[in-house]
C-alpha atoms as a PDB file:
ATOM      1  CA  MET A   1      -0.210  -0.051   0.060  1.00  0.00           C
ATOM      2  CA  ALA A   2       2.619   1.893   0.827  1.00  0.00           C
ATOM      3  CA  LEU A   3       4.708   1.796  -2.421  1.00  0.00           C
ATOM      4  CA  ARG A   4       1.614   2.573  -4.293  1.00  0.00           C
ATOM      5  CA  VAL A   5       0.785   6.124  -2.871  1.00  0.00           C
ATOM      6  CA  LEU A   6       4.741   6.755  -3.199  1.00  0.00           C
ATOM      7  CA  ASP A   7       4.392   5.314  -6.790  1.00  0.00           C
ATOM      8  CA  MET A   8       1.272   7.956  -7.404  1.00  0.00           C
ATOM      9  CA  ALA A   9       3.708  10.651  -5.690  1.00  0.00           C
ATOM     10  CA  LEU A  10       6.612  10.111  -7.846  1.00  0.00           C
ATOM     11  CA  ARG A  11       4.161   9.749 -10.668  1.00  0.00           C
ATOM     12  CA  ARG A  12       2.352  13.324  -9.936  1.00  0.00           C
ATOM     13  CA  GLN A  13       6.115  14.845  -9.032  1.00  0.00           C
ATOM     14  CA  LEU A  14       7.235  13.943 -12.497  1.00  0.00           C
ATOM     15  CA  ALA A  15       3.798  15.306 -14.230  1.00  0.00           C
ATOM     16  CA  ALA A  16       4.031  18.531 -12.586  1.00  0.00           C
ATOM     17  CA  GLN A  17       7.695  18.858 -14.077  1.00  0.00           C
ATOM     18  CA  VAL A  18       6.513  18.306 -17.631  1.00  0.00           C
ATOM     19  CA  ILE A  19       3.009  20.024 -17.155  1.00  0.00           C
ATOM     20  CA  GLY A  20       4.219  23.436 -15.254  1.00  0.00           C
ATOM     21  CA  LYS A  21       1.085  24.975 -13.949  1.00  0.00           C
ATOM     22  CA  ARG A  22      -1.851  22.926 -15.136  1.00  0.00           C
ATOM     23  CA  GLU A  23      -4.211  21.037 -13.332  1.00  0.00           C
ATOM     24  CA  ILE A  24      -4.046  17.041 -12.788  1.00  0.00           C
ATOM     25  CA  VAL A  25      -8.204  16.962 -12.561  1.00  0.00           C
ATOM     26  CA  GLY A  26      -8.390  12.638 -13.208  1.00  0.00           C
ATOM     27  CA  TYR A  27      -6.884   9.662 -12.549  1.00  0.00           C
ATOM     28  CA  GLY A  28      -6.680   9.089 -16.473  1.00  0.00           C
ATOM     29  CA  TRP A  29      -5.730   6.375 -18.214  1.00  0.00           C
ATOM     30  CA  ASN A  30      -4.376   3.215 -16.279  1.00  0.00           C
ATOM     31  CA  GLY A  31      -3.291   6.487 -13.480  1.00  0.00           C
ATOM     32  CA  THR A  32      -1.372   8.668 -15.823  1.00  0.00           C
ATOM     33  CA  ALA A  33      -1.756  12.034 -16.884  1.00  0.00           C
ATOM     34  CA  CYS A  34      -2.431  11.488 -20.070  1.00  0.00           C
ATOM     35  CA  TYR A  35      -4.802  13.431 -22.713  1.00  0.00           C
ATOM     36  CA  TYR A  36      -6.614  10.910 -24.254  1.00  0.00           C
ATOM     37  CA  ASP A  37     -10.368  11.557 -24.140  1.00  0.00           C
ATOM     38  CA  ARG A  38     -12.763   8.356 -24.104  1.00  0.00           C
ATOM     39  CA  ALA A  39     -15.862   7.412 -22.829  1.00  0.00           C
ATOM     40  CA  ASP A  40     -15.176   5.102 -20.117  1.00  0.00           C
ATOM     41  CA  TYR A  41     -12.611   7.582 -18.827  1.00  0.00           C
ATOM     42  CA  PRO A  42     -14.990  10.729 -19.658  1.00  0.00           C
ATOM     43  CA  MET A  43     -12.891  13.657 -18.176  1.00  0.00           C
ATOM     44  CA  ALA A  44      -9.298  14.394 -18.947  1.00  0.00           C
ATOM     45  CA  ALA A  45      -6.572  13.691 -16.620  1.00  0.00           C
ATOM     46  CA  VAL A  46      -4.601  17.342 -17.123  1.00  0.00           C
ATOM     47  CA  ARG A  47      -6.367  20.356 -18.448  1.00  0.00           C
ATOM     48  CA  CYS A  48      -5.229  21.227 -21.508  1.00  0.00           C
ATOM     49  CA  ARG A  49      -3.913  25.007 -20.908  1.00  0.00           C
ATOM     50  CA  GLN A  50      -2.928  27.137 -17.638  1.00  0.00           C
ATOM     51  CA  PRO A  51      -5.810  28.567 -15.713  1.00  0.00           C
ATOM     52  CA  THR A  52      -6.876  31.628 -17.258  1.00  0.00           C
ATOM     53  CA  ASN A  53     -10.596  33.959 -16.881  1.00  0.00           C
ATOM     54  CA  GLU A  54     -11.078  32.284 -20.601  1.00  0.00           C
ATOM     55  CA  ILE A  55     -10.297  28.381 -18.850  1.00  0.00           C
ATOM     56  CA  ASN A  56     -12.462  29.428 -15.320  1.00  0.00           C
ATOM     57  CA  ASN A  57     -15.378  30.277 -17.664  1.00  0.00           C
ATOM     58  CA  LEU A  58     -15.610  26.652 -19.845  1.00  0.00           C
ATOM     59  CA  GLN A  59     -15.227  24.983 -16.434  1.00  0.00           C
ATOM     60  CA  GLN A  60     -18.295  26.596 -15.698  1.00  0.00           C
ATOM     61  CA  LYS A  61     -19.885  24.967 -18.472  1.00  0.00           C
ATOM     62  CA  GLU A  62     -18.579  21.571 -18.656  1.00  0.00           C
ATOM     63  CA  LYS A  63     -20.192  20.144 -15.803  1.00  0.00           C
ATOM     64  CA  LYS A  64     -22.478  17.723 -17.329  1.00  0.00           C
ATOM     65  CA  THR A  65     -23.241  14.681 -16.004  1.00  0.00           C
ATOM     66  CA  PHE A  66     -22.141  11.167 -17.489  1.00  0.00           C
ATOM     67  CA  ALA A  67     -25.546  10.801 -18.777  1.00  0.00           C
ATOM     68  CA  GLU A  68     -26.037  13.801 -21.060  1.00  0.00           C
ATOM     69  CA  MET A  69     -22.968  12.678 -22.688  1.00  0.00           C
ATOM     70  CA  GLN A  70     -23.905   8.969 -23.416  1.00  0.00           C
ATOM     71  CA  ALA A  71     -27.568  10.623 -24.904  1.00  0.00           C
ATOM     72  CA  PRO A  72     -28.474   9.085 -27.765  1.00  0.00           C
ATOM     73  CA  THR A  73     -27.879  10.793 -30.610  1.00  0.00           C
ATOM     74  CA  GLY A  74     -30.499   9.407 -32.676  1.00  0.00           C
ATOM     75  CA  GLU A  75     -27.467   8.502 -35.827  1.00  0.00           C
ATOM     76  CA  PHE A  76     -28.468   5.201 -35.785  1.00  0.00           C
ATOM     77  CA  LYS A  77     -31.830   6.484 -38.032  1.00  0.00           C
ATOM     78  CA  THR A  78     -29.376   7.809 -40.623  1.00  0.00           C
ATOM     79  CA  HIS A  79     -27.580   4.264 -40.746  1.00  0.00           C
ATOM     80  CA  PHE A  80     -30.698   2.690 -40.800  1.00  0.00           C
ATOM     81  CA  GLY A  81     -32.384   4.400 -43.322  1.00  0.00           C
ATOM     82  CA  VAL A  82     -29.353   4.219 -45.730  1.00  0.00           C
ATOM     83  CA  GLY A  83     -28.798   0.408 -44.891  1.00  0.00           C
ATOM     84  CA  LEU A  84     -32.587   0.554 -46.448  1.00  0.00           C
ATOM     85  CA  LEU A  85     -31.932   2.662 -48.783  1.00  0.00           C
ATOM     86  CA  PHE A  86     -29.318   0.257 -50.364  1.00  0.00           C
ATOM     87  CA  THR A  87     -31.455  -2.820 -49.748  1.00  0.00           C
ATOM     88  CA  ALA A  88     -34.287  -1.343 -51.969  1.00  0.00           C
ATOM     89  CA  MET A  89     -31.938  -0.241 -54.676  1.00  0.00           C
ATOM     90  CA  ALA A  90     -30.225  -4.571 -54.724  1.00  0.00           C
ATOM     91  CA  ILE A  91     -34.034  -5.401 -54.933  1.00  0.00           C
ATOM     92  CA  TRP A  92     -34.765  -3.492 -57.742  1.00  0.00           C
ATOM     93  CA  VAL A  93     -31.674  -4.315 -59.554  1.00  0.00           C
ATOM     94  CA  ALA A  94     -32.293  -7.914 -58.698  1.00  0.00           C
ATOM     95  CA  ILE A  95     -36.106  -7.512 -60.378  1.00  0.00           C
ATOM     96  CA  PHE A  96     -34.811  -5.478 -63.462  1.00  0.00           C
ATOM     97  CA  MET A  97     -32.176  -8.160 -64.368  1.00  0.00           C
ATOM     98  CA  ASN A  98     -34.524 -10.681 -63.760  1.00  0.00           C
ATOM     99  CA  LEU A  99     -37.309  -9.215 -66.262  1.00  0.00           C
ATOM    100  CA  PHE A 100     -35.050  -7.802 -68.903  1.00  0.00           C
ATOM    101  CA  VAL A 101     -31.208  -9.600 -68.428  1.00  0.00           C
ATOM    102  CA  TYR A 102     -32.140 -13.365 -67.926  1.00  0.00           C
ATOM    103  CA  ASP A 103     -33.190 -15.891 -70.586  1.00  0.00           C
ATOM    104  CA  GLU A 104     -35.525 -18.144 -69.654  1.00  0.00           C
ATOM    105  CA  LEU A 105     -34.465 -21.806 -67.961  1.00  0.00           C
ATOM    106  CA  SER A 106     -33.551 -23.747 -70.318  1.00  0.00           C
ATOM    107  CA  ILE A 107     -35.963 -27.042 -71.008  1.00  0.00           C
ATOM    108  CA  THR A 108     -33.274 -29.491 -69.230  1.00  0.00           C
ATOM    109  CA  PHE A 109     -34.978 -27.882 -66.094  1.00  0.00           C
ATOM    110  CA  ASP A 110     -38.193 -29.578 -66.488  1.00  0.00           C
ATOM    111  CA  GLU A 111     -39.164 -32.258 -64.151  1.00  0.00           C
ATOM    112  CA  GLU A 112     -38.885 -35.332 -67.300  1.00  0.00           C
ATOM    113  CA  HIS A 113     -35.430 -34.077 -67.716  1.00  0.00           C
ATOM    114  CA  LYS A 114     -34.680 -33.963 -64.419  1.00  0.00           C
ATOM    115  CA  LYS A 115     -35.863 -37.522 -63.727  1.00  0.00           C
ATOM    116  CA  ASP A 116     -34.335 -38.951 -67.215  1.00  0.00           C
ATOM    117  CA  GLN A 117     -30.306 -37.247 -65.639  1.00  0.00           C
ATOM    118  CA  LEU A 118     -31.077 -38.833 -62.391  1.00  0.00           C
ATOM    119  CA  LYS A 119     -31.274 -42.114 -64.410  1.00  0.00           C
ATOM    120  CA  ARG A 120     -28.371 -41.799 -66.218  1.00  0.00           C
ATOM    121  CA  MET A 121     -26.573 -40.917 -62.607  1.00  0.00           C
ATOM    122  CA  LEU A 122     -27.920 -44.063 -61.379  1.00  0.00           C
ATOM    123  CA  ASP A 123     -27.300 -46.235 -64.399  1.00  0.00           C
ATOM    124  CA  CYS A 124     -23.400 -45.137 -65.108  1.00  0.00           C
ATOM    125  CA  GLU A 125     -22.858 -44.494 -60.878  1.00  0.00           C
ATOM    126  CA  MET A 126     -21.682 -41.022 -61.300  1.00  0.00           C
ATOM    127  CA  ASN A 127     -20.973 -39.660 -57.647  1.00  0.00           C
ATOM    128  CA  PRO A 128     -22.339 -42.340 -55.623  1.00  0.00           C
ATOM    129  CA  HIS A 129     -24.337 -41.212 -52.706  1.00  0.00           C
ATOM    130  CA  PRO A 130     -25.558 -43.505 -50.192  1.00  0.00           C
ATOM    131  CA  MET A 131     -28.855 -41.652 -49.439  1.00  0.00           C
ATOM    132  CA  LEU A 132     -29.813 -41.038 -53.038  1.00  0.00           C
ATOM    133  CA  PRO A 133     -32.075 -44.307 -53.207  1.00  0.00           C
ATOM    134  CA  ALA A 134     -33.387 -42.862 -49.696  1.00  0.00           C
ATOM    135  CA  ILE A 135     -33.861 -39.765 -51.143  1.00  0.00           C
ATOM    136  CA  ILE A 136     -35.816 -40.973 -54.788  1.00  0.00           C
ATOM    137  CA  ILE A 137     -38.241 -42.980 -53.023  1.00  0.00           C
ATOM    138  CA  SER A 138     -38.820 -40.497 -50.595  1.00  0.00           C
ATOM    139  CA  GLN A 139     -40.277 -38.625 -53.090  1.00  0.00           C
ATOM    140  CA  ASN A 140     -42.395 -41.241 -54.850  1.00  0.00           C
ATOM    141  CA  LEU A 141     -40.239 -41.067 -58.513  1.00  0.00           C
ATOM    142  CA  ASP A 142     -41.970 -43.196 -61.113  1.00  0.00           C
ATOM    143  CA  GLU A 143     -40.821 -46.745 -61.107  1.00  0.00           C
ATOM    144  CA  SER A 144     -40.547 -46.566 -65.368  1.00  0.00           C
ATOM    145  CA  VAL A 145     -37.373 -43.625 -64.452  1.00  0.00           C
ATOM    146  CA  LEU A 146     -35.729 -46.189 -61.400  1.00  0.00           C
ATOM    147  CA  LYS A 147     -35.932 -49.359 -63.841  1.00  0.00           C
ATOM    148  CA  THR A 148     -32.096 -50.315 -64.627  1.00  0.00           C
ATOM    149  CA  SER A 149     -32.258 -51.023 -68.548  1.00  0.00           C
END
């Protein structure tokens, strides 16, 4: 405990040589006299200037609470709106592409062609999958498609 007090006294003495007549007004970041301002360390550890009438007037204005500093600004609404705008634009581009750019699906996507392709896969044993027969049975495909020649 005594070493901690001695360490803090030495730090303040060394900081006093660097900061001059400016006040140490807060704990700072890790107990150091730093100027970094963060939300979890809301006040700077050292005043930025030596005390003058102007600084004293500013000190009266800075007496705001931590809750006021953390009050919501409503900025999320802008971000949410821009996100929705880009989402809407992407949907409109997709609709435009489907209507004017892409061709119709080829004939090979018909059910009849899919069944023929499945029959060829089973006959040639291409990429055999152990669950493929169970999947075929569960889908109630025609017996004529499953018959092997």
